[in-house]
Amino acid sequence: MSNSNSSGDPICLPITSEIDLHAFRPNEVSSLLREYIRECREKNILLIRIVHGKGTGTLREGVHRLLDKMQNEVISYTLGNQTSGGWGATVATLKGLEPEND
């Protein structure tokens, strides 16, 4: 997965079970999360943590709206607990990919 730096060059990011949205512009979040979730499912990473921060809650609400729309990819999500970021993070369970029939 990649993001652009200030010079516009893509930056490759490793796919792990956590993504911190603080490093991205708000207008990038929707497409970024869709790509991140696709990559996680391809790598069979099915429990993810999305760090959106506490702030005013606008980013958290946007993340939750997007997850609601992704019912074919997302089983469920909840705010983090005391050890996973509280209301500054969302933990989501993703659907695994269907095995390809050869």
C-alpha atoms as a PDB file:
ATOM      1  CA  MET A   1       0.000   0.000   0.000  1.00  0.00           C
ATOM      2  CA  SER A   2       1.302   3.467  -0.722  1.00  0.00           C
ATOM      3  CA  ASN A   3       0.762   7.055   0.270  1.00  0.00           C
ATOM      4  CA  SER A   4       2.285  10.203  -1.219  1.00  0.00           C
ATOM      5  CA  ASN A   5       4.890  12.271   0.566  1.00  0.00           C
ATOM      6  CA  SER A   6       5.184  16.055   0.257  1.00  0.00           C
ATOM      7  CA  SER A   7       6.934  15.712  -3.103  1.00  0.00           C
ATOM      8  CA  GLY A   8       4.089  13.541  -4.413  1.00  0.00           C
ATOM      9  CA  ASP A   9       6.215  10.400  -4.580  1.00  0.00           C
ATOM     10  CA  PRO A  10       4.482   7.239  -3.339  1.00  0.00           C
ATOM     11  CA  ILE A  11       5.608   5.816  -0.008  1.00  0.00           C
ATOM     12  CA  CYS A  12       5.189   2.042   0.381  1.00  0.00           C
ATOM     13  CA  LEU A  13       3.730   0.990   3.698  1.00  0.00           C
ATOM     14  CA  PRO A  14       3.881  -2.532   5.107  1.00  0.00           C
ATOM     15  CA  ILE A  15       0.524  -4.219   5.698  1.00  0.00           C
ATOM     16  CA  THR A  16       0.090  -5.133   9.361  1.00  0.00           C
ATOM     17  CA  SER A  17      -2.944  -5.608  11.585  1.00  0.00           C
ATOM     18  CA  GLU A  18      -2.878  -1.900  12.503  1.00  0.00           C
ATOM     19  CA  ILE A  19      -3.198   1.316  10.544  1.00  0.00           C
ATOM     20  CA  ASP A  20      -2.770   4.781  12.045  1.00  0.00           C
ATOM     21  CA  LEU A  21      -4.796   7.352  10.129  1.00  0.00           C
ATOM     22  CA  HIS A  22      -2.986  10.329  11.685  1.00  0.00           C
ATOM     23  CA  ALA A  23      -0.433  10.229   8.863  1.00  0.00           C
ATOM     24  CA  PHE A  24      -3.046  10.702   6.128  1.00  0.00           C
ATOM     25  CA  ARG A  25      -5.144  13.594   4.863  1.00  0.00           C
ATOM     26  CA  PRO A  26      -8.896  13.333   5.558  1.00  0.00           C
ATOM     27  CA  ASN A  27      -9.718  13.172   1.835  1.00  0.00           C
ATOM     28  CA  GLU A  28      -7.478  10.072   1.536  1.00  0.00           C
ATOM     29  CA  VAL A  29      -9.039   8.038   4.328  1.00  0.00           C
ATOM     30  CA  SER A  30     -11.926   6.387   2.473  1.00  0.00           C
ATOM     31  CA  SER A  31      -9.896   5.047  -0.451  1.00  0.00           C
ATOM     32  CA  LEU A  32      -6.988   4.230   1.854  1.00  0.00           C
ATOM     33  CA  LEU A  33      -9.141   2.150   4.204  1.00  0.00           C
ATOM     34  CA  ARG A  34     -10.794   0.299   1.333  1.00  0.00           C
ATOM     35  CA  GLU A  35      -7.369  -0.603  -0.075  1.00  0.00           C
ATOM     36  CA  TYR A  36      -6.007  -1.482   3.381  1.00  0.00           C
ATOM     37  CA  ILE A  37      -8.928  -3.821   4.101  1.00  0.00           C
ATOM     38  CA  ARG A  38      -8.536  -5.475   0.691  1.00  0.00           C
ATOM     39  CA  GLU A  39      -4.812  -6.021   1.319  1.00  0.00           C
ATOM     40  CA  CYS A  40      -5.443  -7.376   4.831  1.00  0.00           C
ATOM     41  CA  ARG A  41      -7.976  -9.874   3.526  1.00  0.00           C
ATOM     42  CA  GLU A  42      -5.543 -11.000   0.811  1.00  0.00           C
ATOM     43  CA  LYS A  43      -2.902 -11.564   3.508  1.00  0.00           C
ATOM     44  CA  ASN A  44      -5.454 -13.291   5.782  1.00  0.00           C
ATOM     45  CA  ILE A  45      -5.137 -10.558   8.428  1.00  0.00           C
ATOM     46  CA  LEU A  46      -8.712 -10.666   9.665  1.00  0.00           C
ATOM     47  CA  LEU A  47      -8.533  -8.763  12.965  1.00  0.00           C
ATOM     48  CA  ILE A  48      -7.432  -5.166  12.448  1.00  0.00           C
ATOM     49  CA  ARG A  49      -7.033  -2.035  14.546  1.00  0.00           C
ATOM     50  CA  ILE A  50      -7.756   1.350  12.959  1.00  0.00           C
ATOM     51  CA  VAL A  51      -6.279   4.247  14.958  1.00  0.00           C
ATOM     52  CA  HIS A  52      -8.290   7.386  14.268  1.00  0.00           C
ATOM     53  CA  GLY A  53      -7.691   9.334  17.480  1.00  0.00           C
ATOM     54  CA  LYS A  54     -10.208  10.750  19.897  1.00  0.00           C
ATOM     55  CA  GLY A  55     -10.424  14.377  18.697  1.00  0.00           C
ATOM     56  CA  THR A  56     -13.882  15.648  17.794  1.00  0.00           C
ATOM     57  CA  GLY A  57     -15.032  12.209  16.601  1.00  0.00           C
ATOM     58  CA  THR A  58     -15.430  13.231  12.960  1.00  0.00           C
ATOM     59  CA  LEU A  59     -12.795  10.812  11.684  1.00  0.00           C
ATOM     60  CA  ARG A  60     -14.122   7.988  13.889  1.00  0.00           C
ATOM     61  CA  GLU A  61     -17.645   8.539  12.550  1.00  0.00           C
ATOM     62  CA  GLY A  62     -16.343   8.512   8.973  1.00  0.00           C
ATOM     63  CA  VAL A  63     -14.467   5.263   9.610  1.00  0.00           C
ATOM     64  CA  HIS A  64     -17.591   3.668  11.088  1.00  0.00           C
ATOM     65  CA  ARG A  65     -19.773   4.838   8.168  1.00  0.00           C
ATOM     66  CA  LEU A  66     -17.312   3.288   5.736  1.00  0.00           C
ATOM     67  CA  LEU A  67     -17.184   0.015   7.686  1.00  0.00           C
ATOM     68  CA  ASP A  68     -21.001  -0.060   7.700  1.00  0.00           C
ATOM     69  CA  LYS A  69     -20.956   0.176   3.890  1.00  0.00           C
ATOM     70  CA  MET A  70     -18.435  -2.670   3.599  1.00  0.00           C
ATOM     71  CA  GLN A  71     -20.720  -5.482   4.760  1.00  0.00           C
ATOM     72  CA  ASN A  72     -19.267  -7.866   2.169  1.00  0.00           C
ATOM     73  CA  GLU A  73     -15.786  -7.410   3.664  1.00  0.00           C
ATOM     74  CA  VAL A  74     -16.366  -6.555   7.350  1.00  0.00           C
ATOM     75  CA  ILE A  75     -18.046  -8.887   9.853  1.00  0.00           C
ATOM     76  CA  SER A  76     -18.121  -6.486  12.791  1.00  0.00           C
ATOM     77  CA  TYR A  77     -16.335  -3.621  14.518  1.00  0.00           C
ATOM     78  CA  THR A  78     -16.200  -2.002  17.927  1.00  0.00           C
ATOM     79  CA  LEU A  79     -14.329   0.756  19.684  1.00  0.00           C
ATOM     80  CA  GLY A  80     -11.076  -0.347  21.265  1.00  0.00           C
ATOM     81  CA  ASN A  81     -10.896  -1.366  24.890  1.00  0.00           C
ATOM     82  CA  GLN A  82      -8.467  -0.080  27.531  1.00  0.00           C
ATOM     83  CA  THR A  83      -5.579  -1.999  25.979  1.00  0.00           C
ATOM     84  CA  SER A  84      -6.377  -1.317  22.318  1.00  0.00           C
ATOM     85  CA  GLY A  85      -6.880   2.446  22.290  1.00  0.00           C
ATOM     86  CA  GLY A  86     -10.302   3.055  23.813  1.00  0.00           C
ATOM     87  CA  TRP A  87     -12.476   5.354  21.730  1.00  0.00           C
ATOM     88  CA  GLY A  88      -9.386   6.523  19.812  1.00  0.00           C
ATOM     89  CA  ALA A  89      -9.293   3.264  17.850  1.00  0.00           C
ATOM     90  CA  THR A  90     -11.692   0.857  16.178  1.00  0.00           C
ATOM     91  CA  VAL A  91     -11.124  -2.898  16.108  1.00  0.00           C
ATOM     92  CA  ALA A  92     -12.706  -4.677  13.140  1.00  0.00           C
ATOM     93  CA  THR A  93     -13.137  -8.325  12.194  1.00  0.00           C
ATOM     94  CA  LEU A  94     -12.885  -8.957   8.467  1.00  0.00           C
ATOM     95  CA  LYS A  95     -14.349 -11.725   6.356  1.00  0.00           C
ATOM     96  CA  GLY A  96     -11.843 -14.144   4.918  1.00  0.00           C
ATOM     97  CA  LEU A  97     -11.598 -14.487   1.167  1.00  0.00           C
ATOM     98  CA  GLU A  98     -13.459 -17.347  -0.451  1.00  0.00           C
ATOM     99  CA  PRO A  99     -11.042 -20.014  -1.669  1.00  0.00           C
ATOM    100  CA  GLU A 100     -10.673 -20.005  -5.433  1.00  0.00           C
ATOM    101  CA  ASN A 101     -11.987 -23.069  -7.193  1.00  0.00           C
ATOM    102  CA  ASP A 102      -9.417 -24.465  -9.610  1.00  0.00           C
END
